[in-house]
């Protein structure tokens, strides 16, 4: 195969790319200058093309393999590759997805330099964390106000109980004096949102457990890992290492992925996990609904905007 440079592809910004794949029980390979995945039916082999120039992430789940030639083409197109368990979630203990990032020395440096310009100062790091938490709530209110299907399902940003929880969390964010205070307020809001969602979807006795086998918990796990894929893409493109978290702790190597994924999880993954669980949707139907919501509300664009804003504002000394 003749190598090509990324410039040989039609350039599509990562923030504008439409595709995220979760593949299971197939083989990913390079054939005739394209990346394909092969599934085997009883009597025939089926090949499907992956439009790599318009793809951000490929998650390889159970029963998958990938050739070196395919990895080379995916890397040249700037596609992140992750190995995961069934439904996009890990199989063994609590391990996170292991990301294989394309290696390029020509990514921008300004965002990394801006991020590091504030990261070693605990006060500025707290300001950045507060700004991202406010952005998270703003995004939730925007989505739940606009989405007609969610409003019909009961996820309405005008609900008094919901408004009380969001406004209370905003006040706690503003009063926070350390990261631990933000983590506490985040955990409290998340519990309130789970309670609101479970009541809205009429799911009795819901308890958030990552290892639980009920549909709501399974869909939450699945959707969260899709969000982690978008977050990892954002950070890779901007050249910011995953270890420079502002909230989730400096002891977790990929904690910044969680910080960035949190920007969209409550707004998009959480409500659709409960709606799809109520409707007894399949895993594939939930995944398609999630990906459509990511596209409709420009989730990847939003992640890029938030991370870039924090990096550049911090660099100018104007953190929130």
C-alpha atoms as a PDB file:
ATOM      1  CA  UNK A   1       0.000   0.000   0.000  1.00  0.00           C
ATOM      2  CA  UNK A   2       1.255   3.452  -0.904  1.00  0.00           C
ATOM      3  CA  UNK A   3       1.417   5.759   2.131  1.00  0.00           C
ATOM      4  CA  UNK A   4      -0.388   9.075   1.993  1.00  0.00           C
ATOM      5  CA  UNK A   5      -0.316  12.186   4.107  1.00  0.00           C
ATOM      6  CA  UNK A   6      -3.355  13.533   5.975  1.00  0.00           C
ATOM      7  CA  UNK A   7      -3.445  16.389   3.473  1.00  0.00           C
ATOM      8  CA  UNK A   8      -4.284  13.861   0.731  1.00  0.00           C
ATOM      9  CA  UNK A   9      -7.679  13.387   2.396  1.00  0.00           C
ATOM     10  CA  UNK A  10     -10.486  15.881   2.157  1.00  0.00           C
ATOM     11  CA  UNK A  11      -9.808  17.818   5.338  1.00  0.00           C
ATOM     12  CA  UNK A  12     -12.698  17.779   7.808  1.00  0.00           C
ATOM     13  CA  UNK A  13     -12.110  19.428  11.175  1.00  0.00           C
ATOM     14  CA  UNK A  14     -12.409  16.968  14.054  1.00  0.00           C
ATOM     15  CA  UNK A  15     -15.058  19.137  15.661  1.00  0.00           C
ATOM     16  CA  UNK A  16     -17.182  18.772  12.505  1.00  0.00           C
ATOM     17  CA  UNK A  17     -16.722  15.038  11.915  1.00  0.00           C
ATOM     18  CA  UNK A  18     -19.938  13.056  12.003  1.00  0.00           C
ATOM     19  CA  UNK A  19     -18.990   9.448  12.745  1.00  0.00           C
ATOM     20  CA  UNK A  20     -18.175   7.492  15.874  1.00  0.00           C
ATOM     21  CA  UNK A  21     -18.102   3.689  15.569  1.00  0.00           C
ATOM     22  CA  UNK A  22     -18.515   0.919  18.123  1.00  0.00           C
ATOM     23  CA  UNK A  23     -17.598  -2.314  16.360  1.00  0.00           C
ATOM     24  CA  UNK A  24     -18.112  -5.831  17.710  1.00  0.00           C
ATOM     25  CA  UNK A  25     -17.478  -9.299  16.269  1.00  0.00           C
ATOM     26  CA  UNK A  26     -15.700  -8.136  13.136  1.00  0.00           C
ATOM     27  CA  UNK A  27     -12.276  -7.651  11.592  1.00  0.00           C
ATOM     28  CA  UNK A  28     -11.004  -4.197  10.628  1.00  0.00           C
ATOM     29  CA  UNK A  29      -8.620  -4.125   7.683  1.00  0.00           C
ATOM     30  CA  UNK A  30      -7.209  -2.073   4.845  1.00  0.00           C
ATOM     31  CA  UNK A  31      -8.292  -3.035   1.355  1.00  0.00           C
ATOM     32  CA  UNK A  32      -7.765  -1.158  -1.905  1.00  0.00           C
ATOM     33  CA  UNK A  33      -6.780   2.047  -0.120  1.00  0.00           C
ATOM     34  CA  UNK A  34      -9.805   2.030   2.186  1.00  0.00           C
ATOM     35  CA  UNK A  35     -10.454   0.927   5.756  1.00  0.00           C
ATOM     36  CA  UNK A  36     -13.181  -1.723   5.948  1.00  0.00           C
ATOM     37  CA  UNK A  37     -14.691  -3.921   8.583  1.00  0.00           C
ATOM     38  CA  UNK A  38     -15.579  -7.503   7.752  1.00  0.00           C
ATOM     39  CA  UNK A  39     -18.428  -9.489   9.284  1.00  0.00           C
ATOM     40  CA  UNK A  40     -19.008 -13.144   8.525  1.00  0.00           C
ATOM     41  CA  UNK A  41     -22.527 -14.396   7.924  1.00  0.00           C
ATOM     42  CA  UNK A  42     -23.350 -18.095   7.530  1.00  0.00           C
ATOM     43  CA  UNK A  43     -22.702 -18.232   3.816  1.00  0.00           C
ATOM     44  CA  UNK A  44     -20.953 -14.992   2.945  1.00  0.00           C
ATOM     45  CA  UNK A  45     -18.520 -12.345   4.081  1.00  0.00           C
ATOM     46  CA  UNK A  46     -19.784  -8.768   4.245  1.00  0.00           C
ATOM     47  CA  UNK A  47     -17.491  -5.760   3.866  1.00  0.00           C
ATOM     48  CA  UNK A  48     -18.460  -2.266   5.069  1.00  0.00           C
ATOM     49  CA  UNK A  49     -16.507   0.895   4.355  1.00  0.00           C
ATOM     50  CA  UNK A  50     -15.456   3.257   7.169  1.00  0.00           C
ATOM     51  CA  UNK A  51     -15.239   6.890   5.964  1.00  0.00           C
ATOM     52  CA  UNK A  52     -12.076   7.629   7.928  1.00  0.00           C
ATOM     53  CA  UNK A  53     -11.805  11.305   6.937  1.00  0.00           C
ATOM     54  CA  UNK A  54     -15.178  11.935   8.589  1.00  0.00           C
ATOM     55  CA  UNK A  55     -14.626   9.771  11.685  1.00  0.00           C
ATOM     56  CA  UNK A  56     -13.458  10.821  15.151  1.00  0.00           C
ATOM     57  CA  UNK A  57     -13.319   7.583  17.160  1.00  0.00           C
ATOM     58  CA  UNK A  58     -13.466   3.843  16.612  1.00  0.00           C
ATOM     59  CA  UNK A  59     -14.194   1.691  19.660  1.00  0.00           C
ATOM     60  CA  UNK A  60     -13.266  -1.959  19.199  1.00  0.00           C
ATOM     61  CA  UNK A  61     -15.437  -4.165  21.386  1.00  0.00           C
ATOM     62  CA  UNK A  62     -15.810  -7.909  21.870  1.00  0.00           C
ATOM     63  CA  UNK A  63     -14.610 -10.251  19.146  1.00  0.00           C
ATOM     64  CA  UNK A  64     -12.710  -7.655  17.099  1.00  0.00           C
ATOM     65  CA  UNK A  65      -9.294  -7.560  15.492  1.00  0.00           C
ATOM     66  CA  UNK A  66      -7.502  -4.937  13.440  1.00  0.00           C
ATOM     67  CA  UNK A  67      -4.602  -5.110  10.997  1.00  0.00           C
ATOM     68  CA  UNK A  68      -1.477  -3.008  11.136  1.00  0.00           C
ATOM     69  CA  UNK A  69      -2.238  -1.514   7.720  1.00  0.00           C
ATOM     70  CA  UNK A  70      -5.666  -0.366   8.938  1.00  0.00           C
ATOM     71  CA  UNK A  71      -4.154   1.205  12.056  1.00  0.00           C
ATOM     72  CA  UNK A  72      -1.653   3.075   9.887  1.00  0.00           C
ATOM     73  CA  UNK A  73      -4.398   4.534   7.698  1.00  0.00           C
ATOM     74  CA  UNK A  74      -6.557   5.450  10.699  1.00  0.00           C
ATOM     75  CA  UNK A  75      -3.602   7.193  12.347  1.00  0.00           C
ATOM     76  CA  UNK A  76      -2.854   9.148   9.196  1.00  0.00           C
ATOM     77  CA  UNK A  77      -6.481  10.307   9.107  1.00  0.00           C
ATOM     78  CA  UNK A  78      -6.338  11.349  12.772  1.00  0.00           C
ATOM     79  CA  UNK A  79      -8.831   8.768  14.049  1.00  0.00           C
ATOM     80  CA  UNK A  80      -8.578   7.657  17.684  1.00  0.00           C
ATOM     81  CA  UNK A  81      -8.782   3.911  18.338  1.00  0.00           C
ATOM     82  CA  UNK A  82      -9.962   2.457  21.637  1.00  0.00           C
ATOM     83  CA  UNK A  83     -10.339  -1.125  22.864  1.00  0.00           C
ATOM     84  CA  UNK A  84     -13.333  -1.753  25.088  1.00  0.00           C
ATOM     85  CA  UNK A  85     -15.703  -4.423  26.288  1.00  0.00           C
ATOM     86  CA  UNK A  86     -19.276  -5.128  25.281  1.00  0.00           C
ATOM     87  CA  UNK A  87     -21.494  -2.130  24.637  1.00  0.00           C
ATOM     88  CA  UNK A  88     -18.544   0.257  24.804  1.00  0.00           C
ATOM     89  CA  UNK A  89     -17.753  -0.421  28.464  1.00  0.00           C
ATOM     90  CA  UNK A  90     -14.752  -2.232  30.042  1.00  0.00           C
ATOM     91  CA  UNK A  91     -14.831  -5.936  30.739  1.00  0.00           C
ATOM     92  CA  UNK A  92     -12.186  -6.306  33.434  1.00  0.00           C
ATOM     93  CA  UNK A  93     -12.496  -4.644  36.852  1.00  0.00           C
ATOM     94  CA  UNK A  94     -12.742  -0.858  36.497  1.00  0.00           C
ATOM     95  CA  UNK A  95     -10.270  -0.246  33.729  1.00  0.00           C
ATOM     96  CA  UNK A  96     -10.958   2.655  31.426  1.00  0.00           C
ATOM     97  CA  UNK A  97     -10.836   2.468  27.646  1.00  0.00           C
ATOM     98  CA  UNK A  98      -7.243   2.299  26.441  1.00  0.00           C
ATOM     99  CA  UNK A  99      -6.798   4.932  23.739  1.00  0.00           C
ATOM    100  CA  UNK A 100      -4.394   4.537  20.850  1.00  0.00           C
ATOM    101  CA  UNK A 101      -3.787   8.067  19.664  1.00  0.00           C
ATOM    102  CA  UNK A 102      -2.343   8.989  16.262  1.00  0.00           C
ATOM    103  CA  UNK A 103       1.207  10.274  16.570  1.00  0.00           C
ATOM    104  CA  UNK A 104       1.728  13.697  15.017  1.00  0.00           C
ATOM    105  CA  UNK A 105       4.210  16.381  15.943  1.00  0.00           C
ATOM    106  CA  UNK A 106       2.308  19.060  14.041  1.00  0.00           C
ATOM    107  CA  UNK A 107      -0.628  19.637  16.329  1.00  0.00           C
ATOM    108  CA  UNK A 108      -1.050  23.145  17.826  1.00  0.00           C
ATOM    109  CA  UNK A 109       0.938  24.062  20.933  1.00  0.00           C
ATOM    110  CA  UNK A 110      -0.928  27.197  22.003  1.00  0.00           C
ATOM    111  CA  UNK A 111      -3.688  25.325  23.831  1.00  0.00           C
ATOM    112  CA  UNK A 112      -1.271  23.143  25.798  1.00  0.00           C
ATOM    113  CA  UNK A 113       0.807  26.194  26.690  1.00  0.00           C
ATOM    114  CA  UNK A 114      -2.309  28.109  27.725  1.00  0.00           C
ATOM    115  CA  UNK A 115      -3.615  25.179  29.773  1.00  0.00           C
ATOM    116  CA  UNK A 116      -0.314  24.737  31.580  1.00  0.00           C
ATOM    117  CA  UNK A 117      -0.159  28.490  32.088  1.00  0.00           C
ATOM    118  CA  UNK A 118      -2.894  28.177  34.725  1.00  0.00           C
ATOM    119  CA  UNK A 119      -2.833  24.503  35.694  1.00  0.00           C
ATOM    120  CA  UNK A 120      -0.005  24.728  38.228  1.00  0.00           C
ATOM    121  CA  UNK A 121      -1.825  27.539  40.081  1.00  0.00           C
ATOM    122  CA  UNK A 122      -4.492  25.975  42.308  1.00  0.00           C
ATOM    123  CA  UNK A 123      -6.634  29.146  42.348  1.00  0.00           C
ATOM    124  CA  UNK A 124      -6.725  29.451  38.555  1.00  0.00           C
ATOM    125  CA  UNK A 125      -7.316  25.725  38.230  1.00  0.00           C
ATOM    126  CA  UNK A 126     -10.334  26.094  40.518  1.00  0.00           C
ATOM    127  CA  UNK A 127     -11.613  28.992  38.379  1.00  0.00           C
ATOM    128  CA  UNK A 128     -11.353  26.823  35.259  1.00  0.00           C
ATOM    129  CA  UNK A 129     -13.204  23.972  36.977  1.00  0.00           C
ATOM    130  CA  UNK A 130     -15.976  26.371  38.035  1.00  0.00           C
ATOM    131  CA  UNK A 131     -16.318  27.738  34.505  1.00  0.00           C
ATOM    132  CA  UNK A 132     -16.637  24.197  33.092  1.00  0.00           C
ATOM    133  CA  UNK A 133     -19.274  23.291  35.676  1.00  0.00           C
ATOM    134  CA  UNK A 134     -21.289  26.394  34.797  1.00  0.00           C
ATOM    135  CA  UNK A 135     -20.949  25.533  31.098  1.00  0.00           C
ATOM    136  CA  UNK A 136     -22.217  22.024  31.839  1.00  0.00           C
ATOM    137  CA  UNK A 137     -25.400  23.366  33.450  1.00  0.00           C
ATOM    138  CA  UNK A 138     -25.900  25.968  30.706  1.00  0.00           C
ATOM    139  CA  UNK A 139     -25.666  23.246  28.070  1.00  0.00           C
ATOM    140  CA  UNK A 140     -28.178  21.036  29.887  1.00  0.00           C
ATOM    141  CA  UNK A 141     -30.694  23.878  30.103  1.00  0.00           C
ATOM    142  CA  UNK A 142     -30.183  24.724  26.426  1.00  0.00           C
ATOM    143  CA  UNK A 143     -30.717  21.144  25.252  1.00  0.00           C
ATOM    144  CA  UNK A 144     -33.678  20.375  27.532  1.00  0.00           C
ATOM    145  CA  UNK A 145     -35.322  23.659  26.504  1.00  0.00           C
ATOM    146  CA  UNK A 146     -34.977  23.022  22.775  1.00  0.00           C
ATOM    147  CA  UNK A 147     -35.471  19.276  22.366  1.00  0.00           C
ATOM    148  CA  UNK A 148     -39.134  18.607  21.656  1.00  0.00           C
ATOM    149  CA  UNK A 149     -38.867  14.829  22.175  1.00  0.00           C
ATOM    150  CA  UNK A 150     -37.235  15.240  25.568  1.00  0.00           C
ATOM    151  CA  UNK A 151     -39.830  17.798  26.653  1.00  0.00           C
ATOM    152  CA  UNK A 152     -42.619  15.423  25.635  1.00  0.00           C
ATOM    153  CA  UNK A 153     -40.912  12.713  27.687  1.00  0.00           C
ATOM    154  CA  UNK A 154     -40.895  15.012  30.732  1.00  0.00           C
ATOM    155  CA  UNK A 155     -37.329  16.342  30.574  1.00  0.00           C
ATOM    156  CA  UNK A 156     -38.281  20.017  30.531  1.00  0.00           C
ATOM    157  CA  UNK A 157     -35.804  22.686  31.642  1.00  0.00           C
ATOM    158  CA  UNK A 158     -38.726  24.725  33.019  1.00  0.00           C
ATOM    159  CA  UNK A 159     -39.628  22.090  35.630  1.00  0.00           C
ATOM    160  CA  UNK A 160     -39.582  23.713  39.090  1.00  0.00           C
ATOM    161  CA  UNK A 161     -37.827  20.788  40.789  1.00  0.00           C
ATOM    162  CA  UNK A 162     -35.151  20.705  38.116  1.00  0.00           C
ATOM    163  CA  UNK A 163     -34.668  24.481  38.210  1.00  0.00           C
ATOM    164  CA  UNK A 164     -34.267  24.343  41.970  1.00  0.00           C
ATOM    165  CA  UNK A 165     -31.565  21.672  41.688  1.00  0.00           C
ATOM    166  CA  UNK A 166     -29.685  23.529  38.949  1.00  0.00           C
ATOM    167  CA  UNK A 167     -29.836  26.909  40.672  1.00  0.00           C
ATOM    168  CA  UNK A 168     -28.761  25.364  43.953  1.00  0.00           C
ATOM    169  CA  UNK A 169     -25.792  23.759  42.236  1.00  0.00           C
ATOM    170  CA  UNK A 170     -24.839  27.063  40.593  1.00  0.00           C
ATOM    171  CA  UNK A 171     -24.762  28.770  43.999  1.00  0.00           C
ATOM    172  CA  UNK A 172     -22.579  25.991  45.435  1.00  0.00           C
ATOM    173  CA  UNK A 173     -20.208  26.265  42.470  1.00  0.00           C
ATOM    174  CA  UNK A 174     -19.789  29.989  43.061  1.00  0.00           C
ATOM    175  CA  UNK A 175     -19.154  29.455  46.780  1.00  0.00           C
ATOM    176  CA  UNK A 176     -16.663  26.604  46.307  1.00  0.00           C
ATOM    177  CA  UNK A 177     -13.263  27.298  47.810  1.00  0.00           C
ATOM    178  CA  UNK A 178     -11.549  24.102  46.694  1.00  0.00           C
ATOM    179  CA  UNK A 179     -11.938  21.289  44.204  1.00  0.00           C
ATOM    180  CA  UNK A 180     -13.439  19.015  46.844  1.00  0.00           C
ATOM    181  CA  UNK A 181     -16.361  21.413  47.224  1.00  0.00           C
ATOM    182  CA  UNK A 182     -17.011  21.238  43.472  1.00  0.00           C
ATOM    183  CA  UNK A 183     -16.891  17.452  43.487  1.00  0.00           C
ATOM    184  CA  UNK A 184     -19.413  17.395  46.333  1.00  0.00           C
ATOM    185  CA  UNK A 185     -21.817  19.751  44.552  1.00  0.00           C
ATOM    186  CA  UNK A 186     -21.406  17.759  41.324  1.00  0.00           C
ATOM    187  CA  UNK A 187     -22.203  14.485  43.102  1.00  0.00           C
ATOM    188  CA  UNK A 188     -25.278  16.018  44.740  1.00  0.00           C
ATOM    189  CA  UNK A 189     -26.579  17.393  41.428  1.00  0.00           C
ATOM    190  CA  UNK A 190     -25.995  14.070  39.694  1.00  0.00           C
ATOM    191  CA  UNK A 191     -28.026  12.248  42.359  1.00  0.00           C
ATOM    192  CA  UNK A 192     -30.827  14.797  41.949  1.00  0.00           C
ATOM    193  CA  UNK A 193     -30.781  14.361  38.165  1.00  0.00           C
ATOM    194  CA  UNK A 194     -30.915  10.557  38.488  1.00  0.00           C
ATOM    195  CA  UNK A 195     -33.867  10.879  40.864  1.00  0.00           C
ATOM    196  CA  UNK A 196     -35.619  13.308  38.515  1.00  0.00           C
ATOM    197  CA  UNK A 197     -34.967  11.104  35.479  1.00  0.00           C
ATOM    198  CA  UNK A 198     -36.085   7.903  37.193  1.00  0.00           C
ATOM    199  CA  UNK A 199     -39.312   9.561  38.346  1.00  0.00           C
ATOM    200  CA  UNK A 200     -39.924  11.093  34.913  1.00  0.00           C
ATOM    201  CA  UNK A 201     -39.396   7.746  33.172  1.00  0.00           C
ATOM    202  CA  UNK A 202     -41.370   5.903  35.891  1.00  0.00           C
ATOM    203  CA  UNK A 203     -38.466   3.571  36.674  1.00  0.00           C
ATOM    204  CA  UNK A 204     -38.983   2.394  40.245  1.00  0.00           C
ATOM    205  CA  UNK A 205     -36.119   1.803  42.667  1.00  0.00           C
ATOM    206  CA  UNK A 206     -33.348   3.030  40.389  1.00  0.00           C
ATOM    207  CA  UNK A 207     -29.870   3.014  41.936  1.00  0.00           C
ATOM    208  CA  UNK A 208     -26.800   4.034  39.930  1.00  0.00           C
ATOM    209  CA  UNK A 209     -24.490   1.009  39.862  1.00  0.00           C
ATOM    210  CA  UNK A 210     -21.885   0.584  37.132  1.00  0.00           C
ATOM    211  CA  UNK A 211     -21.990  -3.191  37.386  1.00  0.00           C
ATOM    212  CA  UNK A 212     -25.791  -3.442  37.389  1.00  0.00           C
ATOM    213  CA  UNK A 213     -27.450  -5.277  34.514  1.00  0.00           C
ATOM    214  CA  UNK A 214     -30.651  -3.222  34.281  1.00  0.00           C
ATOM    215  CA  UNK A 215     -31.189  -1.241  31.098  1.00  0.00           C
ATOM    216  CA  UNK A 216     -30.928   2.258  32.557  1.00  0.00           C
ATOM    217  CA  UNK A 217     -27.535   1.558  34.144  1.00  0.00           C
ATOM    218  CA  UNK A 218     -26.331  -0.254  31.040  1.00  0.00           C
ATOM    219  CA  UNK A 219     -27.333   2.617  28.761  1.00  0.00           C
ATOM    220  CA  UNK A 220     -25.681   5.147  31.087  1.00  0.00           C
ATOM    221  CA  UNK A 221     -22.423   3.170  30.935  1.00  0.00           C
ATOM    222  CA  UNK A 222     -22.650   2.835  27.177  1.00  0.00           C
ATOM    223  CA  UNK A 223     -23.447   6.494  26.533  1.00  0.00           C
ATOM    224  CA  UNK A 224     -20.797   7.733  28.938  1.00  0.00           C
ATOM    225  CA  UNK A 225     -18.108   5.831  27.068  1.00  0.00           C
ATOM    226  CA  UNK A 226     -19.243   7.383  23.812  1.00  0.00           C
ATOM    227  CA  UNK A 227     -18.847  10.767  25.514  1.00  0.00           C
ATOM    228  CA  UNK A 228     -15.375   9.753  26.714  1.00  0.00           C
ATOM    229  CA  UNK A 229     -14.469   9.050  23.095  1.00  0.00           C
ATOM    230  CA  UNK A 230     -15.476  12.560  22.051  1.00  0.00           C
ATOM    231  CA  UNK A 231     -13.606  14.060  25.010  1.00  0.00           C
ATOM    232  CA  UNK A 232     -10.444  12.106  24.193  1.00  0.00           C
ATOM    233  CA  UNK A 233     -10.674  13.291  20.585  1.00  0.00           C
ATOM    234  CA  UNK A 234     -11.029  16.921  21.681  1.00  0.00           C
ATOM    235  CA  UNK A 235      -7.981  16.768  23.915  1.00  0.00           C
ATOM    236  CA  UNK A 236      -5.862  14.916  21.375  1.00  0.00           C
ATOM    237  CA  UNK A 237      -6.634  17.396  18.595  1.00  0.00           C
ATOM    238  CA  UNK A 238      -5.850  20.353  20.876  1.00  0.00           C
ATOM    239  CA  UNK A 239      -2.676  18.664  22.113  1.00  0.00           C
ATOM    240  CA  UNK A 240      -3.590  18.696  25.827  1.00  0.00           C
ATOM    241  CA  UNK A 241      -2.521  15.556  27.770  1.00  0.00           C
ATOM    242  CA  UNK A 242      -5.289  13.755  29.632  1.00  0.00           C
ATOM    243  CA  UNK A 243      -3.495  14.000  32.966  1.00  0.00           C
ATOM    244  CA  UNK A 244      -3.982  17.757  33.443  1.00  0.00           C
ATOM    245  CA  UNK A 245      -7.432  17.535  35.031  1.00  0.00           C
ATOM    246  CA  UNK A 246      -9.102  20.432  36.805  1.00  0.00           C
ATOM    247  CA  UNK A 247     -11.600  18.421  38.853  1.00  0.00           C
ATOM    248  CA  UNK A 248     -11.344  14.671  38.877  1.00  0.00           C
ATOM    249  CA  UNK A 249      -8.050  14.338  40.672  1.00  0.00           C
ATOM    250  CA  UNK A 250      -4.393  14.339  39.770  1.00  0.00           C
ATOM    251  CA  UNK A 251      -4.018  10.657  40.665  1.00  0.00           C
ATOM    252  CA  UNK A 252      -6.089   9.406  37.710  1.00  0.00           C
ATOM    253  CA  UNK A 253      -4.079   9.392  34.513  1.00  0.00           C
ATOM    254  CA  UNK A 254      -6.965  10.158  32.184  1.00  0.00           C
ATOM    255  CA  UNK A 255      -8.979  12.399  34.506  1.00  0.00           C
ATOM    256  CA  UNK A 256      -9.227  15.352  32.101  1.00  0.00           C
ATOM    257  CA  UNK A 257     -11.217  13.083  29.765  1.00  0.00           C
ATOM    258  CA  UNK A 258     -13.825  12.793  32.537  1.00  0.00           C
ATOM    259  CA  UNK A 259     -13.841  16.562  33.096  1.00  0.00           C
ATOM    260  CA  UNK A 260     -14.521  17.257  29.422  1.00  0.00           C
ATOM    261  CA  UNK A 261     -17.035  14.416  28.976  1.00  0.00           C
ATOM    262  CA  UNK A 262     -19.023  15.800  31.919  1.00  0.00           C
ATOM    263  CA  UNK A 263     -19.835  18.844  29.789  1.00  0.00           C
ATOM    264  CA  UNK A 264     -22.377  16.808  27.792  1.00  0.00           C
ATOM    265  CA  UNK A 265     -23.191  13.653  29.766  1.00  0.00           C
ATOM    266  CA  UNK A 266     -26.023  15.093  31.876  1.00  0.00           C
ATOM    267  CA  UNK A 267     -27.595  16.960  28.973  1.00  0.00           C
ATOM    268  CA  UNK A 268     -27.578  14.171  26.375  1.00  0.00           C
ATOM    269  CA  UNK A 269     -26.650  10.737  27.723  1.00  0.00           C
ATOM    270  CA  UNK A 270     -28.616  10.801  30.975  1.00  0.00           C
ATOM    271  CA  UNK A 271     -32.114  11.627  29.669  1.00  0.00           C
ATOM    272  CA  UNK A 272     -31.915   9.328  26.663  1.00  0.00           C
ATOM    273  CA  UNK A 273     -30.639   6.459  28.820  1.00  0.00           C
ATOM    274  CA  UNK A 274     -33.818   6.656  30.905  1.00  0.00           C
ATOM    275  CA  UNK A 275     -36.156   7.310  27.966  1.00  0.00           C
ATOM    276  CA  UNK A 276     -34.733   4.339  26.033  1.00  0.00           C
ATOM    277  CA  UNK A 277     -34.853   2.138  29.126  1.00  0.00           C
ATOM    278  CA  UNK A 278     -38.526   3.028  29.597  1.00  0.00           C
ATOM    279  CA  UNK A 279     -39.228   2.182  25.940  1.00  0.00           C
ATOM    280  CA  UNK A 280     -37.265  -1.090  26.253  1.00  0.00           C
ATOM    281  CA  UNK A 281     -35.003  -0.059  23.378  1.00  0.00           C
ATOM    282  CA  UNK A 282     -32.141  -2.213  22.182  1.00  0.00           C
ATOM    283  CA  UNK A 283     -28.537  -1.254  22.779  1.00  0.00           C
ATOM    284  CA  UNK A 284     -28.151  -0.366  19.118  1.00  0.00           C
ATOM    285  CA  UNK A 285     -31.257   1.846  19.181  1.00  0.00           C
ATOM    286  CA  UNK A 286     -29.943   3.684  22.239  1.00  0.00           C
ATOM    287  CA  UNK A 287     -26.539   4.149  20.633  1.00  0.00           C
ATOM    288  CA  UNK A 288     -28.094   5.589  17.484  1.00  0.00           C
ATOM    289  CA  UNK A 289     -30.228   7.944  19.566  1.00  0.00           C
ATOM    290  CA  UNK A 290     -27.164   9.109  21.494  1.00  0.00           C
ATOM    291  CA  UNK A 291     -25.105   9.703  18.370  1.00  0.00           C
ATOM    292  CA  UNK A 292     -27.981  11.602  16.769  1.00  0.00           C
ATOM    293  CA  UNK A 293     -28.241  13.803  19.860  1.00  0.00           C
ATOM    294  CA  UNK A 294     -24.472  14.432  19.762  1.00  0.00           C
ATOM    295  CA  UNK A 295     -24.875  15.588  16.158  1.00  0.00           C
ATOM    296  CA  UNK A 296     -28.047  17.627  16.659  1.00  0.00           C
ATOM    297  CA  UNK A 297     -26.618  19.603  19.567  1.00  0.00           C
ATOM    298  CA  UNK A 298     -23.038  19.816  18.257  1.00  0.00           C
ATOM    299  CA  UNK A 299     -21.589  18.102  21.325  1.00  0.00           C
ATOM    300  CA  UNK A 300     -18.087  17.880  19.883  1.00  0.00           C
ATOM    301  CA  UNK A 301     -18.140  21.545  18.862  1.00  0.00           C
ATOM    302  CA  UNK A 302     -19.220  22.456  22.383  1.00  0.00           C
ATOM    303  CA  UNK A 303     -16.361  20.479  23.932  1.00  0.00           C
ATOM    304  CA  UNK A 304     -13.837  22.165  21.666  1.00  0.00           C
ATOM    305  CA  UNK A 305     -15.232  25.623  22.459  1.00  0.00           C
ATOM    306  CA  UNK A 306     -15.101  25.069  26.228  1.00  0.00           C
ATOM    307  CA  UNK A 307     -11.582  23.634  26.342  1.00  0.00           C
ATOM    308  CA  UNK A 308     -10.190  26.248  23.953  1.00  0.00           C
ATOM    309  CA  UNK A 309     -11.851  29.047  25.891  1.00  0.00           C
ATOM    310  CA  UNK A 310     -10.331  27.906  29.170  1.00  0.00           C
ATOM    311  CA  UNK A 311      -6.867  27.485  27.664  1.00  0.00           C
ATOM    312  CA  UNK A 312      -6.832  30.850  25.921  1.00  0.00           C
ATOM    313  CA  UNK A 313      -8.551  32.852  28.649  1.00  0.00           C
ATOM    314  CA  UNK A 314      -6.166  31.456  31.229  1.00  0.00           C
ATOM    315  CA  UNK A 315      -3.280  32.396  28.992  1.00  0.00           C
ATOM    316  CA  UNK A 316      -4.568  35.991  28.938  1.00  0.00           C
ATOM    317  CA  UNK A 317      -5.149  35.982  32.678  1.00  0.00           C
ATOM    318  CA  UNK A 318      -8.938  36.334  32.399  1.00  0.00           C
ATOM    319  CA  UNK A 319     -10.272  33.150  33.959  1.00  0.00           C
ATOM    320  CA  UNK A 320     -13.852  33.307  35.167  1.00  0.00           C
END
